[in-house]
Amino acid sequence: MVAIITIVSLLPFITKAFNMDEPLFVWAARQIQLNPLDFYGFKVNWYGFEMDMFSVNQNPPFVSYYIALITGLFGWNEPVIHFFFLIPALGLSLGTYFLARSFCSLPHLAAILTVFSPVFLISSASVMSDTTMLAFYVWAIFLWLEGLKRGSLPYLFLSAIFIALSTLTKYFGATLIPLLLVFTLVEKKFDYRICILFIPELFVVGYEWLTYSLYNQSLISDAAAYAAGSWVKPSQFLDKTLTGLSFAGGCLVGVIFFAPLLWPRRTFFFMGAILLTLSLSVLLSVNTIGSIQLYDELGSSVFDSGIRWGLVFQLTLFISAGMHILILAITDLMRHRNATSMLLFLWIMGAFIFSSYINWTTSARNILPMLPAAAILVMRRLNYLNEESNTFFSRKAIWPLFPAALISILVTWADVSLANSQRSAANTMDVRFKAYQYPVKFQGHWGFQYYMEGMGYEAVDFRKEHSEGDIMIIPSNQSNTIWPQKNQGRWPQGDRFIPIEKFQEQTLRWLSVMRLGGAGFYSSQAGPLPFAMGEVPPEEYIVFKAK
């Protein structure tokens, strides 16, 4: 049942265009097919000028090797690649099921709640590393717990291999080492088998040595230094906390629909009122969250300025939902006080702290690791309160899955709509400028860059000269762009370009995952919400011509 639900939920999205950072993984896969032992040995224009790939991509290459294998056998076709990425999605949902069997009596519902979360569906509908990393992560925990329970060294060795694979998929996987170390010490006090955790550390050291040998640069150390350079400052603490809670509540939105079942009625209403009041009060006391204003431009307080109530309302709900998830982890630890509750608590808190305070940005991709633990905590709480929930099909526990599924599918649809609009825009530009006699270049990255370059167009290099008649296309909703006449000295040649045309691509009209309405699913720099309801204007592409 879990496998079928996972496949059925993701199959409608397998024609999705590549989006956001996906081109980086795809380009690395092309390089791997040319030279398997030099995975990042090429250059890419991702910030407006060419750089070494190993300086741009802050992820290890395991997923790119997987893409290289798929495309080497079946060709470079988006639906085929997305189809094979159903395998790590299945690995994550089934891994959650098997792990949850040891923690609660409703493991199938924990796995289904995992699937019916916006962060799961969007991450699994991409070809980036997040779902694959977490699939290895969950299975590593399951195998370690089973190995300790059975006294089985093969299980523990296999868990160590899965820890290494998780780390070589995305560096967050290395957090398994301290997580399982603490669990083992709490469960067993001391066990010589803890030494098996040195195995993934050897893989990490080997990868560091390999990358230094290839590129004269240690990529894990560089990624750690990059994250450390973005650690939260005291003045940013409130901003980061609110944003982290908003992302946790929105990305794991299904948990909130279970809330009425997780607490006695009086406790539920009292706690809900406290959380909502606290969230709203804090939001009304600040002017901005990150770069997003909560008031209009006329004033700076609730008394002399209009409040952006739509944004504040959504933030209030998501922040309250995020606090509720942390409360579940804390209350479970206080009630059970054992190794299992400690594992779930550290799992949730570790992912939240990393995403909110350590990583360079809060994003849904970094909230994703919390998901299996949160789903398991929900079912453990249900077991504690409701005898009926100990049966396989609990009537009370099934109905919250329906709104969770609906919201998750709609948010994924919005993400797919944004991705497909960039592929469509590239096709439109190709039809318009294919026969143009002067060079046609573009700014912007993500999927738009992938498809434009695939058609033979070149990304703008801000260090190169431009000639009269050159065309430059700039998407309005993109990163790393410099607008002509507004470049503030960063690109002196920009003053030579004048706008001549504008094209539009309509995405989903009432739900956004990036930049519009305070949504920043892939980076909180675009907004403090993982997704936002509201009127979504078309994506605009402005065409400039050099004088």
Protein backbone atom coordinates (compact mmCIF):
# COMPACT_ATOMS: atom_id res chain seq x y z
CA MET A 1 0.00 0.00 0.00
CA VAL A 2 2.79 2.43 0.88
CA ALA A 3 4.63 1.65 -2.36
CA ILE A 4 1.51 2.09 -4.50
CA ILE A 5 0.60 5.42 -2.88
CA THR A 6 4.17 6.69 -3.41
CA ILE A 7 4.18 5.78 -7.11
CA VAL A 8 0.67 7.05 -7.81
CA SER A 9 1.43 10.36 -6.09
CA LEU A 10 4.57 11.00 -8.17
CA LEU A 11 3.73 9.55 -11.60
CA PRO A 12 1.72 12.63 -12.73
CA PHE A 13 4.87 14.76 -12.38
CA ILE A 14 7.43 12.69 -14.32
CA THR A 15 7.30 15.04 -17.33
CA LYS A 16 8.46 17.94 -15.15
CA ALA A 17 11.20 20.13 -16.61
CA PHE A 18 14.53 20.48 -14.83
CA ASN A 19 14.43 23.33 -12.32
CA MET A 20 16.52 25.25 -9.77
CA ASP A 21 19.85 23.47 -9.09
CA GLU A 22 18.95 20.34 -11.06
CA PRO A 23 21.08 21.38 -14.08
CA LEU A 24 24.20 21.18 -11.88
CA PHE A 25 23.53 17.50 -11.19
CA VAL A 26 22.72 16.82 -14.85
CA TRP A 27 25.83 18.60 -16.16
CA ALA A 28 27.98 16.64 -13.72
CA ALA A 29 26.38 13.44 -15.03
CA ARG A 30 27.38 14.40 -18.58
CA GLN A 31 30.94 14.96 -17.37
CA ILE A 32 30.93 11.57 -15.63
CA GLN A 33 29.99 9.87 -18.89
CA LEU A 34 33.00 11.54 -20.52
CA ASN A 35 35.41 11.00 -17.63
CA PRO A 36 34.05 8.95 -14.69
CA LEU A 37 37.03 9.73 -12.46
CA ASP A 38 36.88 13.51 -12.94
CA PHE A 39 33.28 14.28 -12.01
CA TYR A 40 33.67 18.05 -11.47
CA GLY A 41 36.45 18.72 -13.95
CA PHE A 42 34.66 21.33 -16.07
CA LYS A 43 33.52 24.94 -15.92
CA VAL A 44 30.03 26.38 -15.61
CA ASN A 45 28.57 29.88 -15.75
CA TRP A 46 26.25 29.94 -12.72
CA TYR A 47 27.00 33.38 -11.26
CA GLY A 48 27.52 35.49 -14.39
CA PHE A 49 30.98 34.23 -15.30
CA GLU A 50 32.68 30.87 -15.74
CA MET A 51 33.86 29.04 -12.62
CA ASP A 52 35.14 25.57 -11.86
CA MET A 53 32.26 23.22 -11.17
CA PHE A 54 33.83 22.05 -7.90
CA SER A 55 33.58 25.65 -6.65
CA VAL A 56 29.91 25.97 -7.63
CA ASN A 57 28.29 22.68 -6.62
CA GLN A 58 28.31 22.20 -2.84
CA ASN A 59 27.11 18.59 -3.12
CA PRO A 60 28.95 15.28 -3.55
CA PRO A 61 28.48 13.46 -6.88
CA PHE A 62 26.63 10.22 -6.05
CA VAL A 63 23.32 11.34 -7.60
CA SER A 64 25.14 12.53 -10.73
CA TYR A 65 26.64 9.05 -11.10
CA TYR A 66 23.10 7.65 -10.83
CA ILE A 67 21.87 10.04 -13.55
CA ALA A 68 24.87 9.12 -15.71
CA LEU A 69 23.95 5.43 -15.38
CA ILE A 70 20.28 6.03 -16.24
CA THR A 71 20.98 8.25 -19.23
CA GLY A 72 23.76 6.01 -20.46
CA LEU A 73 21.24 3.17 -20.71
CA PHE A 74 18.06 5.00 -21.71
CA GLY A 75 19.05 8.41 -23.11
CA TRP A 76 18.62 12.02 -22.00
CA ASN A 77 14.88 12.13 -21.51
CA GLU A 78 13.25 13.91 -18.56
CA PRO A 79 10.37 11.43 -18.04
CA VAL A 80 12.78 8.48 -18.06
CA ILE A 81 15.11 10.14 -15.55
CA HIS A 82 12.19 11.12 -13.29
CA PHE A 83 10.81 7.58 -13.55
CA PHE A 84 14.03 6.11 -12.17
CA PHE A 85 13.99 8.68 -9.37
CA LEU A 86 10.87 6.92 -8.13
CA ILE A 87 13.30 4.34 -6.73
CA PRO A 88 14.83 6.62 -4.05
CA ALA A 89 11.32 7.96 -3.31
CA LEU A 90 10.17 4.38 -2.72
CA GLY A 91 13.28 3.80 -0.66
CA LEU A 92 12.37 6.71 1.61
CA SER A 93 8.68 5.86 2.06
CA LEU A 94 9.33 2.14 2.64
CA GLY A 95 12.32 2.92 4.86
CA THR A 96 10.07 5.12 6.99
CA TYR A 97 7.57 2.26 7.21
CA PHE A 98 10.14 -0.30 8.36
CA LEU A 99 11.74 2.10 10.81
CA ALA A 100 8.37 3.16 12.22
CA ARG A 101 7.46 -0.48 12.94
CA SER A 102 9.90 -0.37 15.85
CA PHE A 103 8.53 2.92 17.19
CA CYS A 104 4.73 2.81 16.82
CA SER A 105 1.80 0.57 15.88
CA LEU A 106 0.80 2.56 12.78
CA PRO A 107 3.92 2.43 10.58
CA HIS A 108 1.91 2.46 7.35
CA LEU A 109 0.25 5.76 8.35
CA ALA A 110 3.62 7.24 9.30
CA ALA A 111 4.93 6.35 5.83
CA ILE A 112 1.82 7.71 4.07
CA LEU A 113 2.00 10.96 6.06
CA THR A 114 5.62 11.21 4.90
CA VAL A 115 4.51 10.86 1.28
CA PHE A 116 1.65 13.34 1.65
CA SER A 117 3.94 16.25 2.54
CA PRO A 118 4.82 19.04 0.10
CA VAL A 119 8.53 18.70 0.80
CA PHE A 120 8.49 14.97 -0.02
CA LEU A 121 6.59 15.26 -3.29
CA ILE A 122 8.55 18.24 -4.61
CA SER A 123 11.92 16.81 -3.57
CA SER A 124 11.05 13.42 -5.07
CA ALA A 125 9.84 15.02 -8.31
CA SER A 126 13.31 16.52 -8.80
CA VAL A 127 16.65 14.96 -9.75
CA MET A 128 18.56 16.60 -6.92
CA SER A 129 20.16 14.72 -4.06
CA ASP A 130 17.73 15.28 -1.17
CA THR A 131 15.33 12.33 -1.37
CA THR A 132 18.13 9.92 -2.23
CA MET A 133 20.21 11.12 0.72
CA LEU A 134 17.29 10.76 3.13
CA ALA A 135 16.41 7.28 1.81
CA PHE A 136 19.93 6.10 2.67
CA TYR A 137 19.66 8.02 5.97
CA VAL A 138 16.47 6.27 7.11
CA TRP A 139 17.65 2.81 6.08
CA ALA A 140 20.96 3.39 7.88
CA ILE A 141 19.06 4.11 11.11
CA PHE A 142 16.80 1.09 10.63
CA LEU A 143 19.72 -1.26 9.96
CA TRP A 144 21.69 0.10 12.93
CA LEU A 145 18.77 -0.37 15.31
CA GLU A 146 18.11 -3.86 13.97
CA GLY A 147 21.79 -4.71 14.25
CA LEU A 148 21.91 -3.68 17.90
CA LYS A 149 18.67 -5.51 18.66
CA ARG A 150 19.78 -8.75 16.98
CA GLY A 151 23.44 -8.45 17.85
CA SER A 152 24.13 -8.74 14.13
CA LEU A 153 27.43 -7.40 12.81
CA PRO A 154 26.33 -7.71 9.14
CA TYR A 155 23.40 -5.35 9.82
CA LEU A 156 25.72 -2.86 11.50
CA PHE A 157 28.28 -3.04 8.69
CA LEU A 158 25.52 -2.53 6.10
CA SER A 159 24.27 0.46 8.13
CA ALA A 160 27.78 1.93 8.03
CA ILE A 161 27.83 1.56 4.23
CA PHE A 162 24.45 3.32 4.01
CA ILE A 163 25.80 6.14 6.20
CA ALA A 164 28.68 6.54 3.76
CA LEU A 165 26.33 6.50 0.76
CA SER A 166 24.07 9.08 2.42
CA THR A 167 27.09 11.32 3.06
CA LEU A 168 28.37 10.93 -0.51
CA THR A 169 24.91 11.91 -1.74
CA LYS A 170 24.62 15.00 0.44
CA TYR A 171 26.94 16.02 3.24
CA PHE A 172 24.09 16.18 5.77
CA GLY A 173 24.26 12.38 5.82
CA ALA A 174 27.36 12.64 8.03
CA THR A 175 25.10 13.74 10.93
CA LEU A 176 24.14 10.07 11.23
CA ILE A 177 27.48 9.35 12.91
CA PRO A 178 26.92 11.46 16.05
CA LEU A 179 23.18 10.68 16.02
CA LEU A 180 23.69 6.91 16.13
CA LEU A 181 26.63 7.26 18.50
CA VAL A 182 24.44 9.04 21.07
CA PHE A 183 21.61 6.52 20.56
CA THR A 184 23.95 3.60 21.13
CA LEU A 185 25.49 5.11 24.25
CA VAL A 186 22.04 5.80 25.73
CA GLU A 187 20.74 2.34 24.77
CA LYS A 188 23.79 0.22 25.57
CA LYS A 189 25.94 2.54 27.74
CA PHE A 190 29.03 1.33 25.87
CA ASP A 191 29.30 -1.24 23.11
CA TYR A 192 32.43 -2.14 21.18
CA ARG A 193 30.34 -2.20 18.01
CA ILE A 194 30.29 1.60 18.13
CA CYS A 195 33.68 1.33 16.42
CA ILE A 196 31.85 0.33 13.21
CA LEU A 197 30.89 4.01 12.92
CA PHE A 198 34.50 4.67 11.94
CA ILE A 199 33.80 3.01 8.57
CA PRO A 200 31.80 5.93 7.07
CA GLU A 201 34.42 8.30 8.48
CA LEU A 202 37.01 6.45 6.39
CA PHE A 203 34.84 7.05 3.31
CA VAL A 204 34.67 10.74 4.17
CA VAL A 205 38.43 10.96 4.57
CA GLY A 206 38.91 9.08 1.30
CA TYR A 207 36.57 11.46 -0.52
CA GLU A 208 38.44 14.46 0.92
CA TRP A 209 41.74 12.99 -0.27
CA LEU A 210 40.30 12.23 -3.73
CA THR A 211 38.88 15.71 -4.27
CA TYR A 212 42.08 17.33 -3.07
CA SER A 213 44.06 15.15 -5.46
CA LEU A 214 41.76 16.03 -8.37
CA TYR A 215 41.10 19.72 -7.74
CA ASN A 216 43.63 20.80 -5.12
CA GLN A 217 40.61 21.55 -2.97
CA SER A 218 38.90 19.51 -0.21
CA LEU A 219 35.23 19.73 -1.09
CA ILE A 220 33.73 18.68 2.25
CA SER A 221 35.90 21.18 4.10
CA ASP A 222 34.95 23.87 1.59
CA ALA A 223 31.23 23.12 2.02
CA ALA A 224 31.60 23.23 5.82
CA ALA A 225 33.45 26.53 5.64
CA TYR A 226 30.78 27.92 3.31
CA ALA A 227 28.05 26.99 5.80
CA ALA A 228 30.06 28.23 8.78
CA GLY A 229 30.47 31.61 7.11
CA SER A 230 26.69 32.00 7.15
CA TRP A 231 26.03 31.13 10.79
CA VAL A 232 23.37 33.22 12.42
CA LYS A 233 24.33 36.49 14.07
CA PRO A 234 22.56 37.62 17.28
CA SER A 235 20.70 40.34 15.37
CA GLN A 236 19.33 37.71 12.96
CA PHE A 237 18.22 35.19 15.58
CA LEU A 238 14.52 36.14 15.65
CA ASP A 239 14.34 36.32 11.84
CA LYS A 240 16.00 32.93 11.47
CA THR A 241 13.83 31.33 14.13
CA LEU A 242 10.56 32.57 12.63
CA THR A 243 11.64 31.53 9.14
CA GLY A 244 12.76 28.09 10.31
CA LEU A 245 9.47 27.50 12.14
CA SER A 246 7.51 28.70 9.10
CA PHE A 247 9.34 26.30 6.81
CA ALA A 248 8.97 23.39 9.24
CA GLY A 249 5.23 23.97 9.61
CA GLY A 250 4.59 24.51 5.91
CA CYS A 251 6.79 21.74 4.53
CA LEU A 252 5.32 19.24 7.00
CA VAL A 253 1.83 20.72 6.82
CA GLY A 254 0.13 17.32 7.14
CA VAL A 255 1.14 17.12 10.80
CA ILE A 256 -1.16 20.02 11.71
CA PHE A 257 -4.25 18.13 10.50
CA PHE A 258 -3.49 15.42 13.06
CA ALA A 259 -3.24 17.94 15.90
CA PRO A 260 -6.89 17.59 17.06
CA LEU A 261 -6.25 13.86 17.51
CA LEU A 262 -2.97 14.23 19.37
CA TRP A 263 -4.16 16.18 22.40
CA PRO A 264 -7.16 16.18 24.74
CA ARG A 265 -9.75 18.65 23.48
CA ARG A 266 -9.16 21.24 26.18
CA THR A 267 -5.38 21.00 25.76
CA PHE A 268 -5.68 21.28 21.98
CA PHE A 269 -7.71 24.49 22.08
CA PHE A 270 -5.61 26.02 24.83
CA MET A 271 -2.28 25.17 23.14
CA GLY A 272 -3.59 26.26 19.73
CA ALA A 273 -4.71 29.61 21.11
CA ILE A 274 -1.35 30.14 22.83
CA LEU A 275 0.70 29.26 19.73
CA LEU A 276 -1.40 31.35 17.35
CA THR A 277 -1.46 34.35 19.72
CA LEU A 278 2.28 34.13 20.32
CA SER A 279 3.04 33.86 16.58
CA LEU A 280 0.75 36.73 15.64
CA SER A 281 2.04 38.98 18.44
CA VAL A 282 5.65 38.48 17.39
CA LEU A 283 4.85 39.09 13.73
CA LEU A 284 2.99 42.32 14.52
CA SER A 285 5.97 43.55 16.49
CA VAL A 286 8.46 43.31 13.59
CA ASN A 287 8.54 45.16 10.29
CA THR A 288 10.27 42.56 8.17
CA ILE A 289 11.28 38.92 8.05
CA GLY A 290 14.44 38.73 6.03
CA SER A 291 13.89 40.96 3.01
CA ILE A 292 10.09 40.68 3.10
CA GLN A 293 8.07 43.54 4.57
CA LEU A 294 5.03 42.71 6.66
CA TYR A 295 3.67 46.26 6.29
CA ASP A 296 3.16 48.49 3.31
CA GLU A 297 5.65 51.23 2.47
CA LEU A 298 3.77 54.05 4.22
CA GLY A 299 4.67 53.30 7.79
CA SER A 300 6.48 51.06 10.20
CA SER A 301 3.93 49.89 12.74
CA VAL A 302 0.45 48.48 13.02
CA PHE A 303 -0.89 51.92 13.98
CA ASP A 304 0.21 53.95 10.97
CA SER A 305 0.57 51.39 8.20
CA GLY A 306 -1.43 48.81 6.37
CA ILE A 307 -0.59 45.23 7.32
CA ARG A 308 -0.11 42.58 4.65
CA TRP A 309 -2.69 40.38 6.32
CA GLY A 310 -2.50 37.57 3.76
CA LEU A 311 1.22 37.13 4.39
CA VAL A 312 0.87 37.53 8.16
CA PHE A 313 -2.00 35.02 8.29
CA GLN A 314 -0.05 32.34 6.42
CA LEU A 315 3.06 32.98 8.52
CA THR A 316 1.04 32.72 11.72
CA LEU A 317 -0.35 29.31 10.73
CA PHE A 318 2.99 27.92 9.55
CA ILE A 319 4.99 29.22 12.53
CA SER A 320 2.42 27.77 14.94
CA ALA A 321 2.55 24.45 13.06
CA GLY A 322 6.35 24.48 13.25
CA MET A 323 6.29 25.05 17.01
CA HIS A 324 3.81 22.18 17.33
CA ILE A 325 6.30 19.80 15.68
CA LEU A 326 9.03 20.79 18.13
CA ILE A 327 6.57 20.35 21.02
CA LEU A 328 5.84 16.81 19.82
CA ALA A 329 9.55 15.98 19.96
CA ILE A 330 9.98 17.53 23.41
CA THR A 331 6.89 15.88 24.96
CA ASP A 332 7.84 12.48 23.54
CA LEU A 333 11.29 12.76 25.13
CA MET A 334 9.81 13.88 28.47
CA ARG A 335 7.32 11.01 28.49
CA HIS A 336 9.53 8.09 27.47
CA ARG A 337 13.03 9.19 28.47
CA ASN A 338 14.68 6.38 26.54
CA ALA A 339 17.07 5.94 23.61
CA THR A 340 14.29 5.93 21.01
CA SER A 341 12.76 9.21 22.17
CA MET A 342 16.26 10.71 22.40
CA LEU A 343 16.95 9.62 18.81
CA LEU A 344 13.76 11.24 17.50
CA PHE A 345 14.34 14.41 19.53
CA LEU A 346 17.91 14.87 18.30
CA TRP A 347 16.86 14.02 14.74
CA ILE A 348 14.18 16.73 14.71
CA MET A 349 16.20 19.36 16.57
CA GLY A 350 19.40 18.72 14.64
CA ALA A 351 17.71 19.19 11.27
CA PHE A 352 15.86 22.29 12.50
CA ILE A 353 18.98 23.92 13.93
CA PHE A 354 21.03 23.18 10.82
CA SER A 355 18.42 24.57 8.45
CA SER A 356 17.53 27.60 10.56
CA TYR A 357 20.85 28.74 11.99
CA ILE A 358 23.80 27.02 10.31
CA ASN A 359 23.09 26.62 6.61
CA TRP A 360 23.50 29.66 4.34
CA THR A 361 19.74 29.72 3.79
CA THR A 362 16.63 28.06 5.18
CA SER A 363 15.05 25.91 2.50
CA ALA A 364 12.54 23.11 2.22
CA ARG A 365 15.34 20.83 1.02
CA ASN A 366 17.04 21.22 4.41
CA ILE A 367 13.79 20.75 6.35
CA LEU A 368 13.17 17.44 4.52
CA PRO A 369 15.32 15.33 6.92
CA MET A 370 12.88 16.16 9.75
CA LEU A 371 9.98 14.54 7.89
CA PRO A 372 10.23 10.81 8.80
CA ALA A 373 10.89 11.60 12.46
CA ALA A 374 7.93 14.01 12.60
CA ALA A 375 5.60 11.45 11.00
CA ILE A 376 6.71 8.80 13.49
CA LEU A 377 6.18 11.19 16.42
CA VAL A 378 2.61 11.81 15.26
CA MET A 379 1.83 8.09 15.30
CA ARG A 380 3.55 7.57 18.65
CA ARG A 381 1.38 10.31 20.11
CA LEU A 382 -1.73 8.70 18.58
CA ASN A 383 -0.77 5.37 20.18
CA TYR A 384 -0.49 7.07 23.55
CA LEU A 385 -3.90 8.75 23.43
CA ASN A 386 -6.18 6.49 21.40
CA GLU A 387 -6.75 2.78 21.76
CA GLU A 388 -8.44 2.70 18.35
CA SER A 389 -5.24 3.92 16.73
CA ASN A 390 -3.59 0.59 17.58
CA THR A 391 -5.65 -1.09 14.85
CA PHE A 392 -4.38 -1.28 11.28
CA PHE A 393 -7.09 0.99 9.86
CA SER A 394 -7.89 3.74 12.31
CA ARG A 395 -10.89 5.74 11.16
CA LYS A 396 -9.82 8.80 13.10
CA ALA A 397 -6.24 8.68 11.82
CA ILE A 398 -7.13 8.40 8.14
CA TRP A 399 -9.18 11.56 7.56
CA PRO A 400 -6.27 14.03 8.18
CA LEU A 401 -4.40 12.40 5.30
CA PHE A 402 -6.90 13.74 2.75
CA PRO A 403 -6.28 17.49 3.25
CA ALA A 404 -2.56 16.73 3.63
CA ALA A 405 -2.57 14.95 0.27
CA LEU A 406 -4.59 17.70 -1.43
CA ILE A 407 -2.30 20.53 -0.28
CA SER A 408 0.85 18.57 -1.09
CA ILE A 409 -0.29 17.76 -4.62
CA LEU A 410 -1.33 21.36 -5.27
CA VAL A 411 2.00 22.74 -4.03
CA THR A 412 3.86 20.21 -6.19
CA TRP A 413 1.72 21.24 -9.13
CA ALA A 414 2.77 24.86 -8.55
CA ASP A 415 6.43 23.82 -8.50
CA VAL A 416 6.03 21.78 -11.70
CA SER A 417 4.22 24.70 -13.33
CA LEU A 418 7.15 27.02 -12.53
CA ALA A 419 9.68 24.52 -13.88
CA ASN A 420 7.72 23.86 -17.08
CA SER A 421 7.26 27.58 -17.71
CA GLN A 422 11.03 27.98 -18.00
CA ARG A 423 11.28 25.17 -20.54
CA SER A 424 8.38 26.70 -22.46
CA ALA A 425 10.02 30.15 -22.35
CA ALA A 426 13.25 28.73 -23.78
CA ASN A 427 11.28 27.15 -26.63
CA THR A 428 9.52 30.47 -27.28
CA MET A 429 12.85 32.33 -27.40
CA ASP A 430 14.28 29.76 -29.77
CA VAL A 431 11.39 30.18 -32.21
CA ARG A 432 11.68 33.96 -31.99
CA PHE A 433 15.48 34.31 -32.34
CA LYS A 434 16.67 31.18 -34.11
CA ALA A 435 17.34 33.09 -37.34
CA TYR A 436 18.63 36.28 -35.69
CA GLN A 437 21.92 37.37 -37.27
CA TYR A 438 23.63 38.65 -34.09
CA PRO A 439 24.52 36.72 -30.92
CA VAL A 440 21.60 35.99 -28.59
CA LYS A 441 22.56 35.59 -24.94
CA PHE A 442 20.65 35.35 -21.70
CA GLN A 443 20.90 35.96 -18.00
CA GLY A 444 19.30 33.78 -15.35
CA HIS A 445 20.03 30.23 -14.40
CA TRP A 446 18.05 27.27 -13.02
CA GLY A 447 16.11 25.31 -15.63
CA PHE A 448 15.97 28.28 -18.02
CA GLN A 449 19.75 28.14 -18.43
CA TYR A 450 19.68 24.39 -19.00
CA TYR A 451 17.19 24.60 -21.85
CA MET A 452 18.66 27.74 -23.42
CA GLU A 453 22.14 26.23 -23.50
CA GLY A 454 20.68 23.00 -24.84
CA MET A 455 19.42 25.02 -27.82
CA GLY A 456 22.83 26.54 -28.41
CA TYR A 457 22.48 29.93 -26.68
CA GLU A 458 25.15 31.29 -24.35
CA ALA A 459 24.79 32.65 -20.82
CA VAL A 460 25.94 36.26 -20.41
CA ASP A 461 29.47 36.61 -19.08
CA PHE A 462 29.72 39.98 -17.32
CA ARG A 463 33.46 40.12 -18.03
CA LYS A 464 33.10 39.94 -21.82
CA GLU A 465 32.48 42.70 -24.36
CA HIS A 466 29.20 43.03 -26.25
CA SER A 467 28.64 44.38 -29.76
CA GLU A 468 25.88 46.48 -31.27
CA GLY A 469 22.88 44.35 -32.16
CA ASP A 470 23.51 41.69 -29.52
CA ILE A 471 20.35 40.38 -27.85
CA MET A 472 20.14 39.68 -24.13
CA ILE A 473 17.16 37.96 -22.45
CA ILE A 474 16.56 38.40 -18.70
CA PRO A 475 13.92 36.48 -16.69
CA SER A 476 12.30 38.67 -14.03
CA ASN A 477 12.00 35.88 -11.43
CA GLN A 478 15.54 34.51 -11.34
CA SER A 479 18.79 34.58 -9.37
CA ASN A 480 22.17 36.16 -10.16
CA THR A 481 20.83 38.67 -12.67
CA ILE A 482 21.99 42.27 -13.23
CA TRP A 483 19.50 44.59 -14.86
CA PRO A 484 20.70 47.21 -17.40
CA GLN A 485 20.66 50.79 -16.12
CA LYS A 486 20.35 49.40 -12.57
CA ASN A 487 23.69 47.68 -12.27
CA GLN A 488 25.23 50.13 -9.78
CA GLY A 489 28.65 49.70 -11.32
CA ARG A 490 28.65 45.90 -11.13
CA TRP A 491 28.36 45.59 -14.91
CA PRO A 492 29.41 48.77 -16.75
CA GLN A 493 28.40 47.45 -20.17
CA GLY A 494 24.81 47.04 -18.98
CA ASP A 495 24.11 50.67 -19.89
CA ARG A 496 24.45 49.76 -23.56
CA PHE A 497 21.28 47.61 -23.53
CA ILE A 498 17.74 48.90 -24.06
CA PRO A 499 14.50 46.87 -23.68
CA ILE A 500 12.72 46.01 -26.94
CA GLU A 501 10.28 43.17 -26.16
CA LYS A 502 8.62 41.30 -23.31
CA PHE A 503 7.35 37.72 -23.17
CA GLN A 504 5.19 36.12 -20.49
CA GLU A 505 4.66 32.56 -19.29
CA GLN A 506 1.76 31.94 -16.93
CA THR A 507 2.36 29.53 -14.05
CA LEU A 508 -0.27 28.34 -11.58
CA ARG A 509 -2.27 31.51 -10.92
CA TRP A 510 -3.01 31.24 -7.20
CA LEU A 511 -0.15 29.35 -5.56
CA SER A 512 3.57 30.11 -5.64
CA VAL A 513 6.67 28.29 -4.38
CA MET A 514 9.32 30.87 -5.24
CA ARG A 515 9.73 34.64 -4.86
CA LEU A 516 6.11 35.73 -5.30
CA GLY A 517 3.93 36.41 -2.25
CA GLY A 518 6.79 35.74 0.19
CA ALA A 519 7.37 32.19 -1.04
CA GLY A 520 10.91 30.83 -0.97
CA PHE A 521 10.66 27.05 -1.09
CA TYR A 522 14.23 26.68 -2.38
CA SER A 523 15.71 29.58 -0.42
CA SER A 524 14.34 31.79 2.33
CA GLN A 525 16.20 34.70 0.73
CA ALA A 526 13.18 34.86 -1.59
CA GLY A 527 10.67 34.78 1.27
CA PRO A 528 9.89 33.32 4.72
CA LEU A 529 7.16 30.96 3.47
CA PRO A 530 7.83 27.63 1.73
CA PHE A 531 4.77 28.33 -0.44
CA ALA A 532 2.19 31.09 -0.55
CA MET A 533 -1.42 31.50 -1.60
CA GLY A 534 -2.43 34.55 -3.62
CA GLU A 535 -2.57 35.97 -7.12
CA VAL A 536 0.52 34.89 -9.05
CA PRO A 537 1.44 37.09 -12.03
CA PRO A 538 3.03 35.57 -15.13
CA GLU A 539 6.76 34.94 -15.36
CA GLU A 540 8.24 37.75 -17.47
CA TYR A 541 11.19 37.59 -19.84
CA ILE A 542 12.52 40.97 -20.98
CA VAL A 543 14.47 41.17 -24.25
CA PHE A 544 17.24 43.79 -24.47
CA LYS A 545 19.27 44.88 -27.47
CA ALA A 546 22.76 46.38 -27.39
CA LYS A 547 23.10 49.90 -28.81
